[in-house]
PDB file of N, CA and C in Angstrom:
ATOM      1  N   MET A   1     -30.954  57.918  29.593  1.00  0.00           N
ATOM      2  CA  MET A   1     -31.038  59.241  28.568  1.00  0.00           C
ATOM      3  C   MET A   1     -31.953  59.361  27.718  1.00  0.00           C
ATOM      4  N   SER A   2     -33.584  59.723  27.730  1.00  0.00           N
ATOM      5  CA  SER A   2     -34.702  59.728  26.645  1.00  0.00           C
ATOM      6  C   SER A   2     -34.284  60.423  25.328  1.00  0.00           C
ATOM      7  N   VAL A   3     -34.537  60.036  24.511  1.00  0.00           N
ATOM      8  CA  VAL A   3     -34.407  61.101  23.219  1.00  0.00           C
ATOM      9  C   VAL A   3     -35.507  61.927  22.926  1.00  0.00           C
ATOM     10  N   PRO A   4     -35.237  63.236  22.776  1.00  0.00           N
ATOM     11  CA  PRO A   4     -36.047  64.720  22.420  1.00  0.00           C
ATOM     12  C   PRO A   4     -36.964  64.309  21.096  1.00  0.00           C
ATOM     13  N   GLN A   5     -38.514  63.946  21.801  1.00  0.00           N
ATOM     14  CA  GLN A   5     -38.908  63.988  20.761  1.00  0.00           C
ATOM     15  C   GLN A   5     -39.670  65.086  19.608  1.00  0.00           C
ATOM     16  N   LEU A   6     -39.858  64.465  18.258  1.00  0.00           N
ATOM     17  CA  LEU A   6     -39.784  65.478  17.107  1.00  0.00           C
ATOM     18  C   LEU A   6     -40.852  66.315  17.191  1.00  0.00           C
ATOM     19  N   ARG A   7     -40.950  68.223  17.807  1.00  0.00           N
ATOM     20  CA  ARG A   7     -41.972  68.637  17.506  1.00  0.00           C
ATOM     21  C   ARG A   7     -41.132  69.582  16.214  1.00  0.00           C
ATOM     22  N   ILE A   8     -43.182  69.766  15.248  1.00  0.00           N
ATOM     23  CA  ILE A   8     -42.410  70.689  14.296  1.00  0.00           C
ATOM     24  C   ILE A   8     -43.866  71.506  14.201  1.00  0.00           C
ATOM     25  N   ALA A   9     -43.594  72.641  13.984  1.00  0.00           N
ATOM     26  CA  ALA A   9     -44.696  73.760  14.094  1.00  0.00           C
ATOM     27  C   ALA A   9     -44.315  75.063  12.752  1.00  0.00           C
ATOM     28  N   HIS A  10     -45.272  75.269  12.493  1.00  0.00           N
ATOM     29  CA  HIS A  10     -45.460  76.753  11.593  1.00  0.00           C
ATOM     30  C   HIS A  10     -46.596  77.980  11.804  1.00  0.00           C
ATOM     31  N   GLU A  11     -45.505  78.440  11.448  1.00  0.00           N
ATOM     32  CA  GLU A  11     -46.469  80.061  11.732  1.00  0.00           C
ATOM     33  C   GLU A  11     -45.772  81.091  10.815  1.00  0.00           C
ATOM     34  N   ILE A  12     -46.556  82.416  10.270  1.00  0.00           N
ATOM     35  CA  ILE A  12     -46.069  83.179   9.964  1.00  0.00           C
ATOM     36  C   ILE A  12     -45.794  84.459  10.943  1.00  0.00           C
ATOM     37  N   VAL A  13     -44.401  85.062  10.837  1.00  0.00           N
ATOM     38  CA  VAL A  13     -44.376  86.209  11.770  1.00  0.00           C
ATOM     39  C   VAL A  13     -43.296  87.020  10.835  1.00  0.00           C
ATOM     40  N   GLY A  14     -44.633  88.622  10.905  1.00  0.00           N
ATOM     41  CA  GLY A  14     -44.331  89.318  10.194  1.00  0.00           C
ATOM     42  C   GLY A  14     -44.188  88.517   8.492  1.00  0.00           C
ATOM     43  N   ASN A  15     -42.532  89.103   8.104  1.00  0.00           N
ATOM     44  CA  ASN A  15     -42.752  88.408   6.668  1.00  0.00           C
ATOM     45  C   ASN A  15     -42.282  87.255   6.620  1.00  0.00           C
ATOM     46  N   ALA A  16     -41.946  86.339   7.381  1.00  0.00           N
ATOM     47  CA  ALA A  16     -41.277  85.142   7.228  1.00  0.00           C
ATOM     48  C   ALA A  16     -42.556  84.094   7.572  1.00  0.00           C
ATOM     49  N   VAL A  17     -42.042  82.824   6.702  1.00  0.00           N
ATOM     50  CA  VAL A  17     -42.725  81.785   7.294  1.00  0.00           C
ATOM     51  C   VAL A  17     -41.724  80.998   8.215  1.00  0.00           C
ATOM     52  N   VAL A  18     -41.763  80.793   9.394  1.00  0.00           N
ATOM     53  CA  VAL A  18     -41.219  80.234  10.166  1.00  0.00           C
ATOM     54  C   VAL A  18     -41.467  78.517  10.703  1.00  0.00           C
ATOM     55  N   VAL A  19     -40.846  77.865  10.664  1.00  0.00           N
ATOM     56  CA  VAL A  19     -40.629  76.402  10.643  1.00  0.00           C
ATOM     57  C   VAL A  19     -40.014  76.307  11.808  1.00  0.00           C
ATOM     58  N   HIS A  20     -40.744  75.785  13.121  1.00  0.00           N
ATOM     59  CA  HIS A  20     -39.758  75.533  14.358  1.00  0.00           C
ATOM     60  C   HIS A  20     -40.137  74.389  14.201  1.00  0.00           C
ATOM     61  N   VAL A  21     -38.885  73.864  14.785  1.00  0.00           N
ATOM     62  CA  VAL A  21     -38.338  72.233  14.763  1.00  0.00           C
ATOM     63  C   VAL A  21     -37.436  72.230  16.149  1.00  0.00           C
ATOM     64  N   ALA A  22     -38.050  71.123  16.991  1.00  0.00           N
ATOM     65  CA  ALA A  22     -37.535  70.885  18.721  1.00  0.00           C
ATOM     66  C   ALA A  22     -37.127  69.193  18.395  1.00  0.00           C
ATOM     67  N   GLY A  23     -35.910  68.410  19.278  1.00  0.00           N
ATOM     68  CA  GLY A  23     -36.123  67.432  19.127  1.00  0.00           C
ATOM     69  C   GLY A  23     -34.093  66.883  18.822  1.00  0.00           C
ATOM     70  N   GLU A  24     -33.890  66.032  17.231  1.00  0.00           N
ATOM     71  CA  GLU A  24     -33.027  65.833  16.939  1.00  0.00           C
ATOM     72  C   GLU A  24     -33.203  65.848  15.051  1.00  0.00           C
ATOM     73  N   ILE A  25     -32.377  66.439  14.714  1.00  0.00           N
ATOM     74  CA  ILE A  25     -32.626  65.852  13.165  1.00  0.00           C
ATOM     75  C   ILE A  25     -31.337  64.836  12.892  1.00  0.00           C
ATOM     76  N   ASP A  26     -31.876  63.889  12.763  1.00  0.00           N
ATOM     77  CA  ASP A  26     -30.885  62.889  11.525  1.00  0.00           C
ATOM     78  C   ASP A  26     -31.424  61.812  11.107  1.00  0.00           C
ATOM     79  N   MET A  27     -30.938  61.085  10.010  1.00  0.00           N
ATOM     80  CA  MET A  27     -31.477  60.542   9.326  1.00  0.00           C
ATOM     81  C   MET A  27     -33.045  59.776   9.298  1.00  0.00           C
ATOM     82  N   ALA A  28     -32.914  59.095  10.321  1.00  0.00           N
ATOM     83  CA  ALA A  28     -34.595  58.993  10.633  1.00  0.00           C
ATOM     84  C   ALA A  28     -35.772  59.518  10.328  1.00  0.00           C
ATOM     85  N   ASN A  29     -35.637  60.937  10.124  1.00  0.00           N
ATOM     86  CA  ASN A  29     -36.881  62.042  10.918  1.00  0.00           C
ATOM     87  C   ASN A  29     -35.924  63.501   9.538  1.00  0.00           C
ATOM     88  N   ALA A  30     -35.097  63.331   9.379  1.00  0.00           N
ATOM     89  CA  ALA A  30     -34.267  64.645   8.085  1.00  0.00           C
ATOM     90  C   ALA A  30     -35.898  64.485   7.320  1.00  0.00           C
ATOM     91  N   PRO A  31     -36.551  63.085   6.782  1.00  0.00           N
ATOM     92  CA  PRO A  31     -37.538  63.471   5.516  1.00  0.00           C
ATOM     93  C   PRO A  31     -38.608  64.184   5.302  1.00  0.00           C
ATOM     94  N   VAL A  32     -39.269  64.447   7.189  1.00  0.00           N
ATOM     95  CA  VAL A  32     -40.288  64.470   7.629  1.00  0.00           C
ATOM     96  C   VAL A  32     -39.907  65.835   7.901  1.00  0.00           C
ATOM     97  N   ILE A  33     -38.822  66.748   8.005  1.00  0.00           N
ATOM     98  CA  ILE A  33     -38.172  67.592   8.345  1.00  0.00           C
ATOM     99  C   ILE A  33     -37.580  68.352   6.758  1.00  0.00           C
ATOM    100  N   LYS A  34     -37.539  67.734   6.040  1.00  0.00           N
ATOM    101  CA  LYS A  34     -37.408  68.171   4.640  1.00  0.00           C
ATOM    102  C   LYS A  34     -38.787  68.612   4.141  1.00  0.00           C
ATOM    103  N   ALA A  35     -39.651  67.566   3.978  1.00  0.00           N
ATOM    104  CA  ALA A  35     -41.382  67.462   3.564  1.00  0.00           C
ATOM    105  C   ALA A  35     -41.646  69.292   4.416  1.00  0.00           C
ATOM    106  N   HIS A  36     -41.737  69.687   5.596  1.00  0.00           N
ATOM    107  CA  HIS A  36     -42.196  70.508   6.161  1.00  0.00           C
ATOM    108  C   HIS A  36     -40.982  72.263   5.619  1.00  0.00           C
ATOM    109  N   LEU A  37     -39.955  71.901   5.453  1.00  0.00           N
ATOM    110  CA  LEU A  37     -39.140  73.312   4.983  1.00  0.00           C
ATOM    111  C   LEU A  37     -39.373  73.165   3.440  1.00  0.00           C
ATOM    112  N   ASP A  38     -39.875  72.150   2.399  1.00  0.00           N
ATOM    113  CA  ASP A  38     -40.044  72.209   1.397  1.00  0.00           C
ATOM    114  C   ASP A  38     -41.240  73.213   1.407  1.00  0.00           C
ATOM    115  N   ARG A  39     -42.121  72.610   2.241  1.00  0.00           N
ATOM    116  CA  ARG A  39     -43.524  72.698   1.983  1.00  0.00           C
ATOM    117  C   ARG A  39     -43.787  74.856   2.511  1.00  0.00           C
ATOM    118  N   ALA A  40     -43.063  74.492   3.306  1.00  0.00           N
ATOM    119  CA  ALA A  40     -42.869  76.776   3.470  1.00  0.00           C
ATOM    120  C   ALA A  40     -41.883  77.253   2.417  1.00  0.00           C
ATOM    121  N   CYS A  41     -41.157  76.558   1.934  1.00  0.00           N
ATOM    122  CA  CYS A  41     -40.501  77.223   0.390  1.00  0.00           C
ATOM    123  C   CYS A  41     -41.764  77.336   0.090  1.00  0.00           C
ATOM    124  N   HIS A  42     -42.103  76.695  -0.068  1.00  0.00           N
ATOM    125  CA  HIS A  42     -43.499  76.990  -1.516  1.00  0.00           C
ATOM    126  C   HIS A  42     -44.659  77.589  -1.041  1.00  0.00           C
ATOM    127  N   ARG A  43     -44.774  77.558   0.155  1.00  0.00           N
ATOM    128  CA  ARG A  43     -45.837  78.505   0.674  1.00  0.00           C
ATOM    129  C   ARG A  43     -45.405  79.824   0.052  1.00  0.00           C
ATOM    130  N   ALA A  44     -43.996  80.832   0.525  1.00  0.00           N
ATOM    131  CA  ALA A  44     -43.250  81.670   0.301  1.00  0.00           C
ATOM    132  C   ALA A  44     -43.458  82.134  -0.603  1.00  0.00           C
ATOM    133  N   HIS A  45     -43.599  83.876  -0.541  1.00  0.00           N
ATOM    134  CA  HIS A  45     -43.990  84.190  -1.869  1.00  0.00           C
ATOM    135  C   HIS A  45     -42.667  85.431  -2.044  1.00  0.00           C
ATOM    136  N   PRO A  46     -41.553  85.976  -2.756  1.00  0.00           N
ATOM    137  CA  PRO A  46     -40.875  86.835  -3.092  1.00  0.00           C
ATOM    138  C   PRO A  46     -41.858  87.872  -2.510  1.00  0.00           C
ATOM    139  N   PRO A  47     -41.097  89.092  -1.612  1.00  0.00           N
ATOM    140  CA  PRO A  47     -40.032  89.221  -1.127  1.00  0.00           C
ATOM    141  C   PRO A  47     -40.572  88.148   0.511  1.00  0.00           C
ATOM    142  N   GLN A  48     -41.219  87.461   0.952  1.00  0.00           N
ATOM    143  CA  GLN A  48     -41.336  86.643   2.219  1.00  0.00           C
ATOM    144  C   GLN A  48     -40.025  86.039   2.270  1.00  0.00           C
ATOM    145  N   THR A  49     -39.254  85.159   3.454  1.00  0.00           N
ATOM    146  CA  THR A  49     -38.303  84.827   3.895  1.00  0.00           C
ATOM    147  C   THR A  49     -38.286  83.599   4.531  1.00  0.00           C
ATOM    148  N   VAL A  50     -38.036  82.459   4.491  1.00  0.00           N
ATOM    149  CA  VAL A  50     -38.395  81.403   5.055  1.00  0.00           C
ATOM    150  C   VAL A  50     -37.219  81.120   6.333  1.00  0.00           C
ATOM    151  N   VAL A  51     -37.488  80.436   7.948  1.00  0.00           N
ATOM    152  CA  VAL A  51     -36.756  80.589   8.668  1.00  0.00           C
ATOM    153  C   VAL A  51     -37.166  79.017   9.413  1.00  0.00           C
ATOM    154  N   ALA A  52     -35.686  78.372   9.213  1.00  0.00           N
ATOM    155  CA  ALA A  52     -36.011  77.418   9.989  1.00  0.00           C
ATOM    156  C   ALA A  52     -35.296  77.460  11.089  1.00  0.00           C
ATOM    157  N   ASP A  53     -36.498  77.803  12.127  1.00  0.00           N
ATOM    158  CA  ASP A  53     -35.840  77.575  13.880  1.00  0.00           C
ATOM    159  C   ASP A  53     -35.269  76.329  14.473  1.00  0.00           C
ATOM    160  N   LEU A  54     -34.244  76.275  14.536  1.00  0.00           N
ATOM    161  CA  LEU A  54     -33.678  75.407  15.600  1.00  0.00           C
ATOM    162  C   LEU A  54     -33.384  75.673  16.611  1.00  0.00           C
ATOM    163  N   THR A  55     -33.365  76.571  17.460  1.00  0.00           N
ATOM    164  CA  THR A  55     -33.567  76.918  18.560  1.00  0.00           C
ATOM    165  C   THR A  55     -33.625  75.610  19.391  1.00  0.00           C
ATOM    166  N   GLU A  56     -34.497  75.013  19.378  1.00  0.00           N
ATOM    167  CA  GLU A  56     -34.350  73.411  20.528  1.00  0.00           C
ATOM    168  C   GLU A  56     -34.753  72.749  19.732  1.00  0.00           C
ATOM    169  N   VAL A  57     -33.344  72.390  19.046  1.00  0.00           N
ATOM    170  CA  VAL A  57     -32.838  71.113  18.191  1.00  0.00           C
ATOM    171  C   VAL A  57     -31.380  71.102  18.979  1.00  0.00           C
ATOM    172  N   VAL A  58     -31.296  69.677  19.570  1.00  0.00           N
ATOM    173  CA  VAL A  58     -30.789  69.211  20.066  1.00  0.00           C
ATOM    174  C   VAL A  58     -29.323  68.930  19.107  1.00  0.00           C
ATOM    175  N   PHE A  59     -29.732  68.441  17.990  1.00  0.00           N
ATOM    176  CA  PHE A  59     -28.471  67.336  17.822  1.00  0.00           C
ATOM    177  C   PHE A  59     -28.890  67.186  16.270  1.00  0.00           C
ATOM    178  N   LEU A  60     -28.168  67.825  15.741  1.00  0.00           N
ATOM    179  CA  LEU A  60     -28.112  68.102  13.965  1.00  0.00           C
ATOM    180  C   LEU A  60     -27.098  67.096  13.368  1.00  0.00           C
ATOM    181  N   GLY A  61     -27.232  66.118  12.537  1.00  0.00           N
ATOM    182  CA  GLY A  61     -26.829  65.211  11.867  1.00  0.00           C
ATOM    183  C   GLY A  61     -26.215  65.765  10.427  1.00  0.00           C
ATOM    184  N   SER A  62     -25.827  64.653   9.897  1.00  0.00           N
ATOM    185  CA  SER A  62     -25.352  65.036   8.262  1.00  0.00           C
ATOM    186  C   SER A  62     -26.431  65.035   7.724  1.00  0.00           C
ATOM    187  N   ALA A  63     -27.853  64.184   7.874  1.00  0.00           N
ATOM    188  CA  ALA A  63     -28.623  64.065   6.907  1.00  0.00           C
ATOM    189  C   ALA A  63     -28.995  65.599   7.120  1.00  0.00           C
ATOM    190  N   GLY A  64     -29.238  66.110   8.397  1.00  0.00           N
ATOM    191  CA  GLY A  64     -30.431  67.344   8.725  1.00  0.00           C
ATOM    192  C   GLY A  64     -29.229  68.106   7.770  1.00  0.00           C
ATOM    193  N   LEU A  65     -27.986  68.546   7.736  1.00  0.00           N
ATOM    194  CA  LEU A  65     -26.870  68.969   6.975  1.00  0.00           C
ATOM    195  C   LEU A  65     -27.639  69.407   5.299  1.00  0.00           C
ATOM    196  N   SER A  66     -27.371  68.367   5.044  1.00  0.00           N
ATOM    197  CA  SER A  66     -28.331  68.112   4.136  1.00  0.00           C
ATOM    198  C   SER A  66     -29.537  68.675   3.540  1.00  0.00           C
ATOM    199  N   VAL A  67     -30.570  68.041   4.261  1.00  0.00           N
ATOM    200  CA  VAL A  67     -31.703  68.638   4.277  1.00  0.00           C
ATOM    201  C   VAL A  67     -31.552  69.764   3.996  1.00  0.00           C
ATOM    202  N   LEU A  68     -30.666  70.988   5.033  1.00  0.00           N
ATOM    203  CA  LEU A  68     -30.589  72.453   5.387  1.00  0.00           C
ATOM    204  C   LEU A  68     -29.972  73.052   3.460  1.00  0.00           C
ATOM    205  N   LEU A  69     -29.147  72.013   3.280  1.00  0.00           N
ATOM    206  CA  LEU A  69     -28.861  72.603   1.940  1.00  0.00           C
ATOM    207  C   LEU A  69     -29.326  72.648   0.429  1.00  0.00           C
ATOM    208  N   GLU A  70     -30.493  70.995   0.851  1.00  0.00           N
ATOM    209  CA  GLU A  70     -31.214  71.133  -0.946  1.00  0.00           C
ATOM    210  C   GLU A  70     -32.380  72.014  -0.422  1.00  0.00           C
ATOM    211  N   VAL A  71     -32.873  72.458   1.075  1.00  0.00           N
ATOM    212  CA  VAL A  71     -34.034  73.440   1.054  1.00  0.00           C
ATOM    213  C   VAL A  71     -33.208  74.932   0.657  1.00  0.00           C
ATOM    214  N   ASP A  72     -32.476  74.806   0.988  1.00  0.00           N
ATOM    215  CA  ASP A  72     -31.988  76.596   0.875  1.00  0.00           C
ATOM    216  C   ASP A  72     -31.674  76.237  -0.905  1.00  0.00           C
ATOM    217  N   GLU A  73     -31.101  75.755  -1.355  1.00  0.00           N
ATOM    218  CA  GLU A  73     -31.213  75.726  -2.947  1.00  0.00           C
ATOM    219  C   GLU A  73     -32.674  75.807  -3.696  1.00  0.00           C
ATOM    220  N   ALA A  74     -33.482  74.751  -2.801  1.00  0.00           N
ATOM    221  CA  ALA A  74     -34.888  74.960  -3.138  1.00  0.00           C
ATOM    222  C   ALA A  74     -35.351  76.136  -3.237  1.00  0.00           C
ATOM    223  N   CYS A  75     -35.207  77.062  -1.750  1.00  0.00           N
ATOM    224  CA  CYS A  75     -35.813  77.948  -1.510  1.00  0.00           C
ATOM    225  C   CYS A  75     -35.508  79.699  -2.614  1.00  0.00           C
ATOM    226  N   ARG A  76     -33.846  79.497  -2.979  1.00  0.00           N
ATOM    227  CA  ARG A  76     -33.025  80.567  -4.141  1.00  0.00           C
ATOM    228  C   ARG A  76     -33.783  80.446  -5.033  1.00  0.00           C
ATOM    229  N   GLY A  77     -34.104  79.280  -5.719  1.00  0.00           N
ATOM    230  CA  GLY A  77     -34.693  78.986  -7.116  1.00  0.00           C
ATOM    231  C   GLY A  77     -36.248  80.013  -7.267  1.00  0.00           C
ATOM    232  N   ARG A  78     -37.162  80.327  -5.887  1.00  0.00           N
ATOM    233  CA  ARG A  78     -37.859  80.717  -5.476  1.00  0.00           C
ATOM    234  C   ARG A  78     -37.788  81.961  -5.431  1.00  0.00           C
ATOM    235  N   ARG A  79     -36.962  82.616  -5.422  1.00  0.00           N
ATOM    236  CA  ARG A  79     -35.921  83.850  -4.733  1.00  0.00           C
ATOM    237  C   ARG A  79     -36.772  84.318  -3.100  1.00  0.00           C
ATOM    238  N   THR A  80     -37.012  83.073  -2.560  1.00  0.00           N
ATOM    239  CA  THR A  80     -37.164  83.232  -0.999  1.00  0.00           C
ATOM    240  C   THR A  80     -36.019  82.925  -0.140  1.00  0.00           C
ATOM    241  N   PRO A  81     -34.986  83.876   0.518  1.00  0.00           N
ATOM    242  CA  PRO A  81     -34.069  83.321   0.946  1.00  0.00           C
ATOM    243  C   PRO A  81     -34.661  82.503   2.016  1.00  0.00           C
ATOM    244  N   LEU A  82     -33.845  80.728   2.489  1.00  0.00           N
ATOM    245  CA  LEU A  82     -33.785  80.182   4.023  1.00  0.00           C
ATOM    246  C   LEU A  82     -33.104  81.124   4.932  1.00  0.00           C
ATOM    247  N   TRP A  83     -33.085  81.322   5.714  1.00  0.00           N
ATOM    248  CA  TRP A  83     -32.720  81.841   6.779  1.00  0.00           C
ATOM    249  C   TRP A  83     -32.587  80.740   8.069  1.00  0.00           C
ATOM    250  N   VAL A  84     -31.245  79.858   8.903  1.00  0.00           N
ATOM    251  CA  VAL A  84     -31.455  79.205   9.923  1.00  0.00           C
ATOM    252  C   VAL A  84     -31.074  79.678  10.798  1.00  0.00           C
ATOM    253  N   VAL A  85     -32.067  80.065  12.164  1.00  0.00           N
ATOM    254  CA  VAL A  85     -31.880  80.378  13.351  1.00  0.00           C
ATOM    255  C   VAL A  85     -31.078  79.023  13.940  1.00  0.00           C
ATOM    256  N   ALA A  86     -29.989  79.347  14.472  1.00  0.00           N
ATOM    257  CA  ALA A  86     -29.473  78.315  15.414  1.00  0.00           C
ATOM    258  C   ALA A  86     -28.935  79.170  17.025  1.00  0.00           C
ATOM    259  N   THR A  87     -29.053  78.446  18.046  1.00  0.00           N
ATOM    260  CA  THR A  87     -27.946  79.027  19.269  1.00  0.00           C
ATOM    261  C   THR A  87     -27.503  77.483  19.916  1.00  0.00           C
ATOM    262  N   THR A  88     -28.061  76.235  19.817  1.00  0.00           N
ATOM    263  CA  THR A  88     -27.641  75.107  20.868  1.00  0.00           C
ATOM    264  C   THR A  88     -26.597  74.404  20.290  1.00  0.00           C
ATOM    265  N   PRO A  89     -25.579  74.373  20.666  1.00  0.00           N
ATOM    266  CA  PRO A  89     -23.905  73.816  20.354  1.00  0.00           C
ATOM    267  C   PRO A  89     -24.396  72.501  19.764  1.00  0.00           C
ATOM    268  N   GLY A  90     -25.309  71.780  20.073  1.00  0.00           N
ATOM    269  CA  GLY A  90     -26.149  70.432  18.578  1.00  0.00           C
ATOM    270  C   GLY A  90     -25.617  70.890  17.316  1.00  0.00           C
ATOM    271  N   VAL A  91     -26.765  71.976  17.512  1.00  0.00           N
ATOM    272  CA  VAL A  91     -26.469  73.110  16.090  1.00  0.00           C
ATOM    273  C   VAL A  91     -25.499  73.755  15.443  1.00  0.00           C
ATOM    274  N   VAL A  92     -25.167  74.040  15.666  1.00  0.00           N
ATOM    275  CA  VAL A  92     -23.993  75.666  15.487  1.00  0.00           C
ATOM    276  C   VAL A  92     -23.128  74.843  15.445  1.00  0.00           C
ATOM    277  N   ARG A  93     -22.288  73.948  16.418  1.00  0.00           N
ATOM    278  CA  ARG A  93     -20.771  72.965  16.241  1.00  0.00           C
ATOM    279  C   ARG A  93     -21.268  72.410  14.663  1.00  0.00           C
ATOM    280  N   PRO A  94     -22.407  71.528  14.181  1.00  0.00           N
ATOM    281  CA  PRO A  94     -22.184  70.849  13.031  1.00  0.00           C
ATOM    282  C   PRO A  94     -21.931  71.965  12.124  1.00  0.00           C
ATOM    283  N   LEU A  95     -22.584  73.399  12.113  1.00  0.00           N
ATOM    284  CA  LEU A  95     -22.786  73.923  10.888  1.00  0.00           C
ATOM    285  C   LEU A  95     -21.174  74.812  10.953  1.00  0.00           C
ATOM    286  N   ARG A  96     -20.172  75.038  11.965  1.00  0.00           N
ATOM    287  CA  ARG A  96     -19.321  75.511  11.535  1.00  0.00           C
ATOM    288  C   ARG A  96     -18.211  74.935  11.467  1.00  0.00           C
ATOM    289  N   VAL A  97     -18.529  73.574  12.365  1.00  0.00           N
ATOM    290  CA  VAL A  97     -17.303  72.557  12.087  1.00  0.00           C
ATOM    291  C   VAL A  97     -17.221  71.859   9.910  1.00  0.00           C
ATOM    292  N   THR A  98     -18.537  72.340   9.646  1.00  0.00           N
ATOM    293  CA  THR A  98     -18.643  71.677   8.195  1.00  0.00           C
ATOM    294  C   THR A  98     -18.405  73.302   6.716  1.00  0.00           C
ATOM    295  N   GLY A  99     -18.552  74.262   7.904  1.00  0.00           N
ATOM    296  CA  GLY A  99     -18.131  75.418   7.329  1.00  0.00           C
ATOM    297  C   GLY A  99     -19.320  75.779   6.409  1.00  0.00           C
ATOM    298  N   MET A 100     -20.497  74.801   6.739  1.00  0.00           N
ATOM    299  CA  MET A 100     -22.110  75.376   6.527  1.00  0.00           C
ATOM    300  C   MET A 100     -22.259  76.982   6.794  1.00  0.00           C
ATOM    301  N   ASP A 101     -21.985  77.565   7.965  1.00  0.00           N
ATOM    302  CA  ASP A 101     -22.195  78.741   8.972  1.00  0.00           C
ATOM    303  C   ASP A 101     -22.483  79.675   7.443  1.00  0.00           C
ATOM    304  N   GLN A 102     -21.009  79.370   6.511  1.00  0.00           N
ATOM    305  CA  GLN A 102     -20.322  80.064   5.311  1.00  0.00           C
ATOM    306  C   GLN A 102     -21.722  80.286   4.070  1.00  0.00           C
ATOM    307  N   VAL A 103     -21.919  79.019   4.221  1.00  0.00           N
ATOM    308  CA  VAL A 103     -22.892  79.191   2.822  1.00  0.00           C
ATOM    309  C   VAL A 103     -24.392  79.279   3.501  1.00  0.00           C
ATOM    310  N   LEU A 104     -24.654  78.950   4.441  1.00  0.00           N
ATOM    311  CA  LEU A 104     -26.624  79.269   4.842  1.00  0.00           C
ATOM    312  C   LEU A 104     -26.249  80.410   5.315  1.00  0.00           C
ATOM    313  N   LYS A 105     -26.955  81.283   5.207  1.00  0.00           N
ATOM    314  CA  LYS A 105     -27.542  82.604   5.983  1.00  0.00           C
ATOM    315  C   LYS A 105     -28.109  81.947   7.977  1.00  0.00           C
ATOM    316  N   VAL A 106     -27.290  82.419   8.793  1.00  0.00           N
ATOM    317  CA  VAL A 106     -27.329  81.502   9.909  1.00  0.00           C
ATOM    318  C   VAL A 106     -27.584  82.470  10.814  1.00  0.00           C
ATOM    319  N   ALA A 107     -28.246  82.848  11.731  1.00  0.00           N
ATOM    320  CA  ALA A 107     -28.688  83.796  12.531  1.00  0.00           C
ATOM    321  C   ALA A 107     -28.974  82.852  14.228  1.00  0.00           C
ATOM    322  N   ASP A 108     -28.745  83.971  15.256  1.00  0.00           N
ATOM    323  CA  ASP A 108     -28.871  83.562  16.504  1.00  0.00           C
ATOM    324  C   ASP A 108     -30.130  84.125  16.712  1.00  0.00           C
ATOM    325  N   SER A 109     -30.902  84.744  16.381  1.00  0.00           N
ATOM    326  CA  SER A 109     -32.055  84.686  16.785  1.00  0.00           C
ATOM    327  C   SER A 109     -33.085  85.014  16.416  1.00  0.00           C
ATOM    328  N   LEU A 110     -34.651  84.218  16.449  1.00  0.00           N
ATOM    329  CA  LEU A 110     -35.195  84.632  15.167  1.00  0.00           C
ATOM    330  C   LEU A 110     -35.731  86.273  15.017  1.00  0.00           C
ATOM    331  N   ASP A 111     -35.820  87.149  15.737  1.00  0.00           N
ATOM    332  CA  ASP A 111     -36.154  88.294  16.483  1.00  0.00           C
ATOM    333  C   ASP A 111     -35.008  89.129  15.031  1.00  0.00           C
ATOM    334  N   SER A 112     -33.658  89.121  15.021  1.00  0.00           N
ATOM    335  CA  SER A 112     -32.763  89.512  14.099  1.00  0.00           C
ATOM    336  C   SER A 112     -33.462  89.045  12.956  1.00  0.00           C
ATOM    337  N   VAL A 113     -34.014  87.801  12.905  1.00  0.00           N
ATOM    338  CA  VAL A 113     -34.082  87.772  11.052  1.00  0.00           C
ATOM    339  C   VAL A 113     -35.280  88.622  10.768  1.00  0.00           C
ATOM    340  N   VAL A 114     -36.020  88.368  11.896  1.00  0.00           N
ATOM    341  CA  VAL A 114     -37.975  88.603  11.314  1.00  0.00           C
ATOM    342  C   VAL A 114     -37.695  90.382  10.457  1.00  0.00           C
ATOM    343  N   GLN A 115     -37.021  91.305  11.318  1.00  0.00           N
ATOM    344  CA  GLN A 115     -36.828  92.827  11.688  1.00  0.00           C
ATOM    345  C   GLN A 115     -36.278  92.594  10.489  1.00  0.00           C
ATOM    346  N   THR A 116     -34.832  91.886   9.707  1.00  0.00           N
ATOM    347  CA  THR A 116     -34.515  92.284   8.283  1.00  0.00           C
ATOM    348  C   THR A 116     -35.417  91.884   7.480  1.00  0.00           C
ATOM    349  N   ALA A 117     -36.429  90.841   7.636  1.00  0.00           N
ATOM    350  CA  ALA A 117     -37.477  90.321   5.833  1.00  0.00           C
ATOM    351  C   ALA A 117     -37.960  91.141   6.161  1.00  0.00           C
TER     352      ALA A 117
END
């Protein structure tokens, strides 16, 4: 079984700065993903929203969970909310098990976030 290659892309959708991530988020690549999300956070200006689109992520490890918390805090400090879009079991389950789905703003579709942003 091969490990999905990490892919990251940025785009502006409506009033949201979106970072699309595909592959796995683990200890090895968490710093790269954090750098991309930090860049989006600094690029967004209130009332814009930052969105971490993780719909193509198959694994979210503890390092990735930490990144999401750190970026959420940074975005809150800039008054640009962070939304996490998650649909795969490899992302939804860790968010639920750790209770982070109660701490972070989590949605099941990019469209639902963009419509409210």
